[in-house]
Amino acid sequence: MPSVGELACTYACLALHDDGIPITAEKITTMLKVANVTAESYWPMLFAKLVQKRDIDDFVLNAGLAGNTASAAVSTGGVVSAAATAEELAAEDKVN
């Protein structure tokens, strides 16, 4: 089950994208503070890296398609997949 922090980061990314604001770890953290939500300190960075490498429009438009792990990130039950995808991206960055 996803944590409140993970869900808040997901919604922060969607809200920033909807307003056309570049998604950064700092902006996600600011939104979490304004919403008075506590999240692990690494979540905003992981979510920011996730959306830098993937298009949020693709996440939303392809939500629920079979075989597309990235699009599952924003589907109702897919927040855990977003965390897994973010962790995969972090692992890729360590390799590169």
C-alpha atoms as a PDB file:
ATOM      1  CA  MET A   1       0.000   0.000   0.000  1.00  0.00           C
ATOM      2  CA  PRO A   2       1.443   3.405  -0.921  1.00  0.00           C
ATOM      3  CA  SER A   3       2.233   5.846   1.825  1.00  0.00           C
ATOM      4  CA  VAL A   4       0.578   9.232   2.189  1.00  0.00           C
ATOM      5  CA  GLY A   5       3.867  10.823   1.137  1.00  0.00           C
ATOM      6  CA  GLU A   6       3.979   8.845  -2.114  1.00  0.00           C
ATOM      7  CA  LEU A   7       0.400   9.766  -2.948  1.00  0.00           C
ATOM      8  CA  ALA A   8       1.063  13.415  -2.124  1.00  0.00           C
ATOM      9  CA  CYS A   9       4.101  13.451  -4.425  1.00  0.00           C
ATOM     10  CA  THR A  10       2.020  11.933  -7.202  1.00  0.00           C
ATOM     11  CA  TYR A  11      -0.685  14.563  -6.802  1.00  0.00           C
ATOM     12  CA  ALA A  12       1.902  17.345  -6.534  1.00  0.00           C
ATOM     13  CA  CYS A  13       3.449  16.253  -9.838  1.00  0.00           C
ATOM     14  CA  LEU A  14       0.046  16.171 -11.510  1.00  0.00           C
ATOM     15  CA  ALA A  15      -0.891  19.607 -10.136  1.00  0.00           C
ATOM     16  CA  LEU A  16       2.403  21.180 -11.204  1.00  0.00           C
ATOM     17  CA  HIS A  17       2.081  19.653 -14.669  1.00  0.00           C
ATOM     18  CA  ASP A  18      -1.519  20.803 -14.975  1.00  0.00           C
ATOM     19  CA  ASP A  19      -0.430  24.380 -14.238  1.00  0.00           C
ATOM     20  CA  GLY A  20       2.483  24.165 -16.683  1.00  0.00           C
ATOM     21  CA  ILE A  21       5.073  24.565 -13.926  1.00  0.00           C
ATOM     22  CA  PRO A  22       8.354  22.654 -14.309  1.00  0.00           C
ATOM     23  CA  ILE A  23       8.411  19.741 -11.879  1.00  0.00           C
ATOM     24  CA  THR A  24      11.396  19.808  -9.546  1.00  0.00           C
ATOM     25  CA  ALA A  25      12.097  18.218  -6.183  1.00  0.00           C
ATOM     26  CA  GLU A  26      12.003  21.672  -4.596  1.00  0.00           C
ATOM     27  CA  LYS A  27       8.561  22.460  -5.978  1.00  0.00           C
ATOM     28  CA  ILE A  28       7.196  19.081  -4.918  1.00  0.00           C
ATOM     29  CA  THR A  29       8.625  19.637  -1.426  1.00  0.00           C
ATOM     30  CA  THR A  30       7.039  23.094  -1.299  1.00  0.00           C
ATOM     31  CA  MET A  31       3.649  21.677  -2.248  1.00  0.00           C
ATOM     32  CA  LEU A  32       3.965  19.007   0.442  1.00  0.00           C
ATOM     33  CA  LYS A  33       4.798  21.655   3.051  1.00  0.00           C
ATOM     34  CA  VAL A  34       1.854  23.828   1.995  1.00  0.00           C
ATOM     35  CA  ALA A  35      -0.445  20.805   2.208  1.00  0.00           C
ATOM     36  CA  ASN A  36       1.055  19.928   5.601  1.00  0.00           C
ATOM     37  CA  VAL A  37       1.983  16.422   4.410  1.00  0.00           C
ATOM     38  CA  THR A  38       5.031  14.602   5.695  1.00  0.00           C
ATOM     39  CA  ALA A  39       6.939  12.429   3.234  1.00  0.00           C
ATOM     40  CA  GLU A  40      10.276  10.698   3.272  1.00  0.00           C
ATOM     41  CA  SER A  41      12.914  13.176   2.112  1.00  0.00           C
ATOM     42  CA  TYR A  42      13.875  11.123  -0.960  1.00  0.00           C
ATOM     43  CA  TRP A  43      10.380  10.892  -2.510  1.00  0.00           C
ATOM     44  CA  PRO A  44      10.294  14.388  -4.077  1.00  0.00           C
ATOM     45  CA  MET A  45      13.686  13.788  -5.729  1.00  0.00           C
ATOM     46  CA  LEU A  46      12.641  10.383  -7.076  1.00  0.00           C
ATOM     47  CA  PHE A  47       9.367  11.684  -8.451  1.00  0.00           C
ATOM     48  CA  ALA A  48      11.109  14.699 -10.034  1.00  0.00           C
ATOM     49  CA  LYS A  49      13.613  12.372 -11.739  1.00  0.00           C
ATOM     50  CA  LEU A  50      10.774  10.135 -12.891  1.00  0.00           C
ATOM     51  CA  VAL A  51       8.942  12.930 -14.673  1.00  0.00           C
ATOM     52  CA  GLN A  52      12.141  14.309 -16.193  1.00  0.00           C
ATOM     53  CA  LYS A  53      12.664  11.025 -18.029  1.00  0.00           C
ATOM     54  CA  ARG A  54       9.018  10.293 -18.805  1.00  0.00           C
ATOM     55  CA  ASP A  55       6.183  12.396 -20.199  1.00  0.00           C
ATOM     56  CA  ILE A  56       3.332  12.916 -17.717  1.00  0.00           C
ATOM     57  CA  ASP A  57       0.851  13.208 -20.579  1.00  0.00           C
ATOM     58  CA  ASP A  58       1.802   9.653 -21.564  1.00  0.00           C
ATOM     59  CA  PHE A  59       1.241   8.511 -17.963  1.00  0.00           C
ATOM     60  CA  VAL A  60      -2.227  10.007 -17.896  1.00  0.00           C
ATOM     61  CA  LEU A  61      -3.332   9.159 -21.431  1.00  0.00           C
ATOM     62  CA  ASN A  62      -2.106   5.562 -21.245  1.00  0.00           C
ATOM     63  CA  ALA A  63      -3.118   4.805 -17.666  1.00  0.00           C
ATOM     64  CA  GLY A  64      -4.267   1.244 -17.295  1.00  0.00           C
ATOM     65  CA  LEU A  65      -2.802  -0.149 -20.510  1.00  0.00           C
ATOM     66  CA  ALA A  66      -1.413  -3.630 -19.991  1.00  0.00           C
ATOM     67  CA  GLY A  67       2.355  -3.935 -20.072  1.00  0.00           C
ATOM     68  CA  ASN A  68       3.071  -0.256 -19.520  1.00  0.00           C
ATOM     69  CA  THR A  69       4.595   0.053 -16.032  1.00  0.00           C
ATOM     70  CA  ALA A  70       5.196   3.788 -16.366  1.00  0.00           C
ATOM     71  CA  SER A  71       1.585   4.572 -17.198  1.00  0.00           C
ATOM     72  CA  ALA A  72       0.400   2.566 -14.209  1.00  0.00           C
ATOM     73  CA  ALA A  73       2.072   5.144 -11.986  1.00  0.00           C
ATOM     74  CA  VAL A  74      -0.904   7.472 -12.087  1.00  0.00           C
ATOM     75  CA  SER A  75      -3.683   4.924 -12.281  1.00  0.00           C
ATOM     76  CA  THR A  76      -5.745   4.398  -9.164  1.00  0.00           C
ATOM     77  CA  GLY A  77      -3.777   1.440  -7.857  1.00  0.00           C
ATOM     78  CA  GLY A  78      -0.486   2.244  -9.495  1.00  0.00           C
ATOM     79  CA  VAL A  79       1.257   4.552  -7.036  1.00  0.00           C
ATOM     80  CA  VAL A  80       3.378   1.633  -5.864  1.00  0.00           C
ATOM     81  CA  SER A  81       4.427   1.187  -9.505  1.00  0.00           C
ATOM     82  CA  ALA A  82       5.514   4.830  -9.555  1.00  0.00           C
ATOM     83  CA  ALA A  83       7.733   4.169  -6.579  1.00  0.00           C
ATOM     84  CA  ALA A  84       9.207   1.103  -8.263  1.00  0.00           C
ATOM     85  CA  THR A  85       9.770   3.036 -11.501  1.00  0.00           C
ATOM     86  CA  ALA A  86      11.382   5.894  -9.586  1.00  0.00           C
ATOM     87  CA  GLU A  87      13.672   3.444  -7.812  1.00  0.00           C
ATOM     88  CA  GLU A  88      14.607   1.896 -11.180  1.00  0.00           C
ATOM     89  CA  LEU A  89      15.488   5.349 -12.515  1.00  0.00           C
ATOM     90  CA  ALA A  90      17.605   6.030  -9.438  1.00  0.00           C
ATOM     91  CA  ALA A  91      19.433   2.750 -10.004  1.00  0.00           C
ATOM     92  CA  GLU A  92      20.025   3.709 -13.670  1.00  0.00           C
ATOM     93  CA  ASP A  93      21.531   7.031 -12.580  1.00  0.00           C
ATOM     94  CA  LYS A  94      23.970   5.208 -10.274  1.00  0.00           C
ATOM     95  CA  VAL A  95      25.069   2.964 -13.140  1.00  0.00           C
ATOM     96  CA  ASN A  96      25.532   5.893 -15.519  1.00  0.00           C
END
